[in-house]
């Protein structure tokens, strides 16, 4: 982006458009890329916060023609952060992805109402220090 005589590498977000970049390291990217979602897949990101892999999975589903993505995060504060990230980056309703945010305990299978074609569990998150 060029403004006047200045080139800005990372343009400031603005307006009502979604943000265009989210910095991730390779350790976070590889698990999501390895999942290889296909068109129509129902994908679960079981430990979704802070949300970088959720964004990658949504992008992959978009590129293959759509599907359903469930982003699960048990901790309320982390789920709120995830919601903000989704709102900032994904233009939902304008694409072919159905996104559900849930706050279930990922290991209690009795609470899950859905079945999934692919599941990503990166616990603890590979790029986050707990």
Foldseek 3Di string as FASTA:
>chain_A
DDDDNDDDPQDDDDDQDAHDDDDDDPLQPVLLVVQQDAAAFEEEAAAQPPHPSVVVNQVSQQVRAEYEYEYEHQDPVSLVNNVVNCSRHPPPPPTRYHYHYYNDDSVPVVPDPDDGPYYGYCVPPRVDDD
